Structures are given as structure tokens and as C-alpha cells.
């Protein structure tokens, strides 16, 4: 799942801490046809949707949106934190590498989903979210012993497979 703008939501973890330079607030934005056309793919919206927006516009219909404001002094937050989840980004590592990125995930990602939903057309989908944003509780442990255990398991598995492949068949 793409976030849309990694600069706003994804942070690098440095020495178990992240620096949060933004503040996120929700507000009610008036629904307008001009805004919907700007965000639509090729500036095209089906006539039924256009008519619906035209009917709701004079009534003062609003949509919930996210305002992203840059803070003067970034807030330093220790990870793990209840408002942040580890973010799955490709990393160089043989067997295991500790998480290096965290994403702002307050209230189950409500801020990120709202930003995507009200963004341009290419941000509207949330495919793959079940694979990227599982709420996991990580436990501190010795990563070297885990890496060794995984390596030993793979080595054992490969040896068993090799032995089976070359085992003589008796008939």
C-alpha cells in the first residue's frame, strides 16, 4: 500500500527514536465539483457523480480531511509507541534486519486513510494494507541468536531435502 507522501507519514528510526516534524489535525472541507474534478483521473467524473456533487454543494455538504502542519521544533518519540507502527520497506539484510522505518498510525491509520481518500485519484486505493500494516507487538530480544536459529533451520532443511533427493530407492 502506498502512503501517498512518505515525507508526511513515514519516519526513519534512529537509535530507537524518531523525529516527528508534522502535526496532523482533522477538519471539515466543503465539497465542491471543482475540487473533485482536480483530483479525478484525467479530470473526468461520471455524470451521475457530478450531479450528486452539484446537489450537495449548495447545501454545505462537507467531507472530513487532514491538515498537515509543520512544527517549528520536531517532537522526539521513542519507539515502540502506541501511535506508530513499524513500516515495511525493502532493506538490505541476509536473514533479518531490525525495523528501520515507522509510520504514523494513530487510531488504526485513520489519518493516512483520510489523506489517501481525499487525495488525487492514484492515492484512493488501499490494496495490500493487510500485509503492510498489521499491528504487531515486537519484543526486544537478541537479533544475532534469532538470525543464527533461522540460518540453522534453513541449513537443516536444505540437508534433509538433499538427503531425500539422493536416497537410493529400493524396490
C-alpha atoms as a PDB file:
ATOM      1  CA  UNK A   1       0.000   0.000   0.000  1.00  0.00           C
ATOM      2  CA  UNK A   2       1.366   3.378  -0.915  1.00  0.00           C
ATOM      3  CA  UNK A   3       1.050   6.142   1.630  1.00  0.00           C
ATOM      4  CA  UNK A   4       0.911   8.921  -0.926  1.00  0.00           C
ATOM      5  CA  UNK A   5       3.520  11.169   0.587  1.00  0.00           C
ATOM      6  CA  UNK A   6       6.114   9.337   2.660  1.00  0.00           C
ATOM      7  CA  UNK A   7       7.508  12.666   3.859  1.00  0.00           C
ATOM      8  CA  UNK A   8       4.316  13.241   5.867  1.00  0.00           C
ATOM      9  CA  UNK A   9       3.839   9.837   7.475  1.00  0.00           C
ATOM     10  CA  UNK A  10       6.967   7.613   7.320  1.00  0.00           C
ATOM     11  CA  UNK A  11       9.889   8.248   9.682  1.00  0.00           C
ATOM     12  CA  UNK A  12      13.388   6.780   9.932  1.00  0.00           C
ATOM     13  CA  UNK A  13      14.150   5.075  13.230  1.00  0.00           C
ATOM     14  CA  UNK A  14      17.494   6.266  14.595  1.00  0.00           C
ATOM     15  CA  UNK A  15      18.724   4.777  17.886  1.00  0.00           C
ATOM     16  CA  UNK A  16      15.182   3.709  18.818  1.00  0.00           C
ATOM     17  CA  UNK A  17      13.748   7.201  18.291  1.00  0.00           C
ATOM     18  CA  UNK A  18      12.008   9.131  15.545  1.00  0.00           C
ATOM     19  CA  UNK A  19      11.638  12.862  14.973  1.00  0.00           C
ATOM     20  CA  UNK A  20       8.071  13.936  14.129  1.00  0.00           C
ATOM     21  CA  UNK A  21       8.163  17.279  12.288  1.00  0.00           C
ATOM     22  CA  UNK A  22       4.424  17.403  11.459  1.00  0.00           C
ATOM     23  CA  UNK A  23       1.182  17.838  13.342  1.00  0.00           C
ATOM     24  CA  UNK A  24      -1.984  16.257  11.914  1.00  0.00           C
ATOM     25  CA  UNK A  25      -5.444  17.708  12.523  1.00  0.00           C
ATOM     26  CA  UNK A  26      -8.836  16.856  11.064  1.00  0.00           C
ATOM     27  CA  UNK A  27     -11.183  19.484   9.677  1.00  0.00           C
ATOM     28  CA  UNK A  28     -14.364  19.682   7.587  1.00  0.00           C
ATOM     29  CA  UNK A  29     -13.705  20.721   3.985  1.00  0.00           C
ATOM     30  CA  UNK A  30     -16.590  21.952   1.789  1.00  0.00           C
ATOM     31  CA  UNK A  31     -17.411  19.540  -1.042  1.00  0.00           C
ATOM     32  CA  UNK A  32     -17.089  21.234  -4.460  1.00  0.00           C
ATOM     33  CA  UNK A  33     -17.277  19.973  -8.006  1.00  0.00           C
ATOM     34  CA  UNK A  34     -14.155  21.952  -8.984  1.00  0.00           C
ATOM     35  CA  UNK A  35     -12.126  20.212  -6.256  1.00  0.00           C
ATOM     36  CA  UNK A  36     -13.435  16.780  -7.280  1.00  0.00           C
ATOM     37  CA  UNK A  37     -12.515  17.432 -10.931  1.00  0.00           C
ATOM     38  CA  UNK A  38      -8.959  18.479  -9.957  1.00  0.00           C
ATOM     39  CA  UNK A  39      -8.462  15.239  -8.013  1.00  0.00           C
ATOM     40  CA  UNK A  40     -10.097  12.955 -10.627  1.00  0.00           C
ATOM     41  CA  UNK A  41      -8.159  10.976 -13.200  1.00  0.00           C
ATOM     42  CA  UNK A  42      -7.950  12.956 -16.459  1.00  0.00           C
ATOM     43  CA  UNK A  43     -10.355  15.458 -14.819  1.00  0.00           C
ATOM     44  CA  UNK A  44     -13.295  13.181 -15.680  1.00  0.00           C
ATOM     45  CA  UNK A  45     -16.107  12.224 -13.310  1.00  0.00           C
ATOM     46  CA  UNK A  46     -19.246  10.288 -14.320  1.00  0.00           C
ATOM     47  CA  UNK A  47     -22.316  12.494 -14.827  1.00  0.00           C
ATOM     48  CA  UNK A  48     -24.212  10.751 -12.009  1.00  0.00           C
ATOM     49  CA  UNK A  49     -21.430  11.635  -9.551  1.00  0.00           C
ATOM     50  CA  UNK A  50     -21.237  15.212 -10.893  1.00  0.00           C
ATOM     51  CA  UNK A  51     -24.980  15.645 -10.395  1.00  0.00           C
ATOM     52  CA  UNK A  52     -24.733  14.293  -6.854  1.00  0.00           C
ATOM     53  CA  UNK A  53     -21.931  16.741  -6.009  1.00  0.00           C
ATOM     54  CA  UNK A  54     -23.862  19.633  -7.599  1.00  0.00           C
ATOM     55  CA  UNK A  55     -26.882  18.807  -5.418  1.00  0.00           C
ATOM     56  CA  UNK A  56     -24.826  18.574  -2.225  1.00  0.00           C
ATOM     57  CA  UNK A  57     -22.633  21.636  -2.859  1.00  0.00           C
ATOM     58  CA  UNK A  58     -25.286  24.333  -2.169  1.00  0.00           C
ATOM     59  CA  UNK A  59     -26.401  22.502   0.986  1.00  0.00           C
ATOM     60  CA  UNK A  60     -22.964  22.968   2.524  1.00  0.00           C
ATOM     61  CA  UNK A  61     -22.016  19.281   2.491  1.00  0.00           C
ATOM     62  CA  UNK A  62     -18.524  18.774   3.899  1.00  0.00           C
ATOM     63  CA  UNK A  63     -16.002  15.955   3.905  1.00  0.00           C
ATOM     64  CA  UNK A  64     -13.528  15.110   6.636  1.00  0.00           C
ATOM     65  CA  UNK A  65      -9.964  15.919   5.602  1.00  0.00           C
ATOM     66  CA  UNK A  66      -6.498  16.065   7.165  1.00  0.00           C
ATOM     67  CA  UNK A  67      -4.441  19.199   7.607  1.00  0.00           C
ATOM     68  CA  UNK A  68      -0.683  18.646   7.794  1.00  0.00           C
ATOM     69  CA  UNK A  69       1.175  21.413   9.612  1.00  0.00           C
ATOM     70  CA  UNK A  70       4.943  21.631  10.011  1.00  0.00           C
ATOM     71  CA  UNK A  71       6.062  22.142  13.613  1.00  0.00           C
ATOM     72  CA  UNK A  72       8.836  24.588  14.466  1.00  0.00           C
ATOM     73  CA  UNK A  73      10.641  22.028  16.623  1.00  0.00           C
ATOM     74  CA  UNK A  74      10.310  18.322  15.728  1.00  0.00           C
ATOM     75  CA  UNK A  75       8.945  16.136  18.506  1.00  0.00           C
ATOM     76  CA  UNK A  76      11.283  13.257  19.502  1.00  0.00           C
ATOM     77  CA  UNK A  77       9.400   9.998  20.161  1.00  0.00           C
ATOM     78  CA  UNK A  78      10.776   6.715  21.491  1.00  0.00           C
ATOM     79  CA  UNK A  79       9.808   3.606  19.511  1.00  0.00           C
ATOM     80  CA  UNK A  80       7.764   1.435  20.126  1.00  0.00           C
ATOM     81  CA  UNK A  81       4.948   3.954  20.600  1.00  0.00           C
ATOM     82  CA  UNK A  82       1.181   3.481  20.519  1.00  0.00           C
ATOM     83  CA  UNK A  83       0.740   5.968  17.625  1.00  0.00           C
ATOM     84  CA  UNK A  84       3.413   4.437  15.376  1.00  0.00           C
ATOM     85  CA  UNK A  85       3.810   1.057  13.672  1.00  0.00           C
ATOM     86  CA  UNK A  86       6.854  -0.422  12.027  1.00  0.00           C
ATOM     87  CA  UNK A  87       6.664   0.192   8.276  1.00  0.00           C
ATOM     88  CA  UNK A  88       7.654  -2.452   5.774  1.00  0.00           C
ATOM     89  CA  UNK A  89      10.265  -1.030   3.406  1.00  0.00           C
ATOM     90  CA  UNK A  90      12.850  -3.012   1.481  1.00  0.00           C
ATOM     91  CA  UNK A  91      16.083  -3.366   3.421  1.00  0.00           C
ATOM     92  CA  UNK A  92      19.403  -4.996   2.816  1.00  0.00           C
ATOM     93  CA  UNK A  93      19.790  -7.933   5.186  1.00  0.00           C
ATOM     94  CA  UNK A  94      20.685 -11.586   4.795  1.00  0.00           C
ATOM     95  CA  UNK A  95      18.158 -13.142   7.121  1.00  0.00           C
ATOM     96  CA  UNK A  96      16.769 -10.431   9.346  1.00  0.00           C
ATOM     97  CA  UNK A  97      17.187  -6.719   9.769  1.00  0.00           C
ATOM     98  CA  UNK A  98      15.525  -4.793  12.599  1.00  0.00           C
ATOM     99  CA  UNK A  99      12.835  -2.293  11.531  1.00  0.00           C
ATOM    100  CA  UNK A 100      14.259   0.962  10.243  1.00  0.00           C
ATOM    101  CA  UNK A 101      11.042   2.861   9.488  1.00  0.00           C
ATOM    102  CA  UNK A 102       7.878   3.694  11.381  1.00  0.00           C
ATOM    103  CA  UNK A 103       4.599   5.126  10.122  1.00  0.00           C
ATOM    104  CA  UNK A 104       2.171   7.421  11.943  1.00  0.00           C
ATOM    105  CA  UNK A 105      -0.672   5.017  12.680  1.00  0.00           C
ATOM    106  CA  UNK A 106      -2.888   6.749  15.248  1.00  0.00           C
ATOM    107  CA  UNK A 107      -6.396   5.210  15.573  1.00  0.00           C
ATOM    108  CA  UNK A 108      -5.620   2.368  13.188  1.00  0.00           C
ATOM    109  CA  UNK A 109      -4.254   4.565  10.418  1.00  0.00           C
ATOM    110  CA  UNK A 110      -7.236   6.906  10.270  1.00  0.00           C
ATOM    111  CA  UNK A 111      -5.043   9.886   9.339  1.00  0.00           C
ATOM    112  CA  UNK A 112      -3.292   8.049   6.493  1.00  0.00           C
ATOM    113  CA  UNK A 113      -6.543   6.607   5.097  1.00  0.00           C
ATOM    114  CA  UNK A 114      -8.264  10.006   5.208  1.00  0.00           C
ATOM    115  CA  UNK A 115      -5.312  11.646   3.433  1.00  0.00           C
ATOM    116  CA  UNK A 116      -5.381   8.964   0.731  1.00  0.00           C
ATOM    117  CA  UNK A 117      -9.170   9.019   0.321  1.00  0.00           C
ATOM    118  CA  UNK A 118      -9.236  12.785  -0.220  1.00  0.00           C
ATOM    119  CA  UNK A 119      -6.073  12.899  -2.341  1.00  0.00           C
ATOM    120  CA  UNK A 120      -5.615  12.545  -6.071  1.00  0.00           C
ATOM    121  CA  UNK A 121      -7.124   9.570  -7.908  1.00  0.00           C
ATOM    122  CA  UNK A 122      -3.972   7.450  -7.768  1.00  0.00           C
ATOM    123  CA  UNK A 123      -3.986   7.518  -3.936  1.00  0.00           C
ATOM    124  CA  UNK A 124      -7.551   6.308  -3.438  1.00  0.00           C
ATOM    125  CA  UNK A 125      -6.854   2.557  -3.370  1.00  0.00           C
ATOM    126  CA  UNK A 126      -5.747   0.764  -0.236  1.00  0.00           C
ATOM    127  CA  UNK A 127      -4.717  -2.544  -1.770  1.00  0.00           C
ATOM    128  CA  UNK A 128      -2.295  -4.629   0.226  1.00  0.00           C
ATOM    129  CA  UNK A 129      -2.966  -2.890   3.530  1.00  0.00           C
ATOM    130  CA  UNK A 130      -3.469  -6.176   5.355  1.00  0.00           C
ATOM    131  CA  UNK A 131       0.127  -7.115   4.545  1.00  0.00           C
ATOM    132  CA  UNK A 132       1.769  -3.788   5.355  1.00  0.00           C
ATOM    133  CA  UNK A 133       0.082  -2.512   8.471  1.00  0.00           C
ATOM    134  CA  UNK A 134      -0.544  -5.385  10.837  1.00  0.00           C
ATOM    135  CA  UNK A 135      -0.431  -4.154  14.405  1.00  0.00           C
ATOM    136  CA  UNK A 136       2.430  -6.201  15.823  1.00  0.00           C
ATOM    137  CA  UNK A 137       3.856  -6.083  19.292  1.00  0.00           C
ATOM    138  CA  UNK A 138       7.581  -6.510  18.931  1.00  0.00           C
ATOM    139  CA  UNK A 139       9.594  -7.858  21.819  1.00  0.00           C
ATOM    140  CA  UNK A 140      13.172  -6.841  22.468  1.00  0.00           C
ATOM    141  CA  UNK A 141      15.494  -9.847  22.049  1.00  0.00           C
ATOM    142  CA  UNK A 142      18.925 -10.801  20.800  1.00  0.00           C
ATOM    143  CA  UNK A 143      18.792 -10.490  16.998  1.00  0.00           C
ATOM    144  CA  UNK A 144      22.019 -12.442  16.467  1.00  0.00           C
ATOM    145  CA  UNK A 145      20.633 -15.555  18.160  1.00  0.00           C
ATOM    146  CA  UNK A 146      17.448 -15.317  16.095  1.00  0.00           C
ATOM    147  CA  UNK A 147      19.460 -14.931  12.893  1.00  0.00           C
ATOM    148  CA  UNK A 148      21.569 -17.953  13.845  1.00  0.00           C
ATOM    149  CA  UNK A 149      18.447 -20.001  14.619  1.00  0.00           C
ATOM    150  CA  UNK A 150      16.924 -19.128  11.237  1.00  0.00           C
ATOM    151  CA  UNK A 151      20.192 -19.911   9.464  1.00  0.00           C
ATOM    152  CA  UNK A 152      20.484 -23.257  11.272  1.00  0.00           C
ATOM    153  CA  UNK A 153      16.878 -24.119  10.384  1.00  0.00           C
ATOM    154  CA  UNK A 154      17.464 -23.339   6.688  1.00  0.00           C
ATOM    155  CA  UNK A 155      20.699 -25.324   6.684  1.00  0.00           C
ATOM    156  CA  UNK A 156      18.997 -28.301   8.336  1.00  0.00           C
ATOM    157  CA  UNK A 157      16.088 -28.078   5.908  1.00  0.00           C
ATOM    158  CA  UNK A 158      18.432 -27.990   2.908  1.00  0.00           C
ATOM    159  CA  UNK A 159      20.374 -31.000   4.163  1.00  0.00           C
ATOM    160  CA  UNK A 160      17.189 -33.005   4.692  1.00  0.00           C
ATOM    161  CA  UNK A 161      16.000 -32.157   1.199  1.00  0.00           C
ATOM    162  CA  UNK A 162      19.389 -33.091  -0.280  1.00  0.00           C
ATOM    163  CA  UNK A 163      19.458 -36.406   1.567  1.00  0.00           C
ATOM    164  CA  UNK A 164      15.969 -37.266   0.363  1.00  0.00           C
ATOM    165  CA  UNK A 165      16.836 -36.374  -3.215  1.00  0.00           C
ATOM    166  CA  UNK A 166      19.831 -38.739  -3.353  1.00  0.00           C
ATOM    167  CA  UNK A 167      18.443 -41.519  -1.181  1.00  0.00           C
ATOM    168  CA  UNK A 168      18.537 -44.792  -3.099  1.00  0.00           C
ATOM    169  CA  UNK A 169      15.146 -46.214  -3.898  1.00  0.00           C
ATOM    170  CA  UNK A 170      14.730 -49.919  -3.044  1.00  0.00           C
ATOM    171  CA  UNK A 171      12.112 -51.878  -4.948  1.00  0.00           C
END
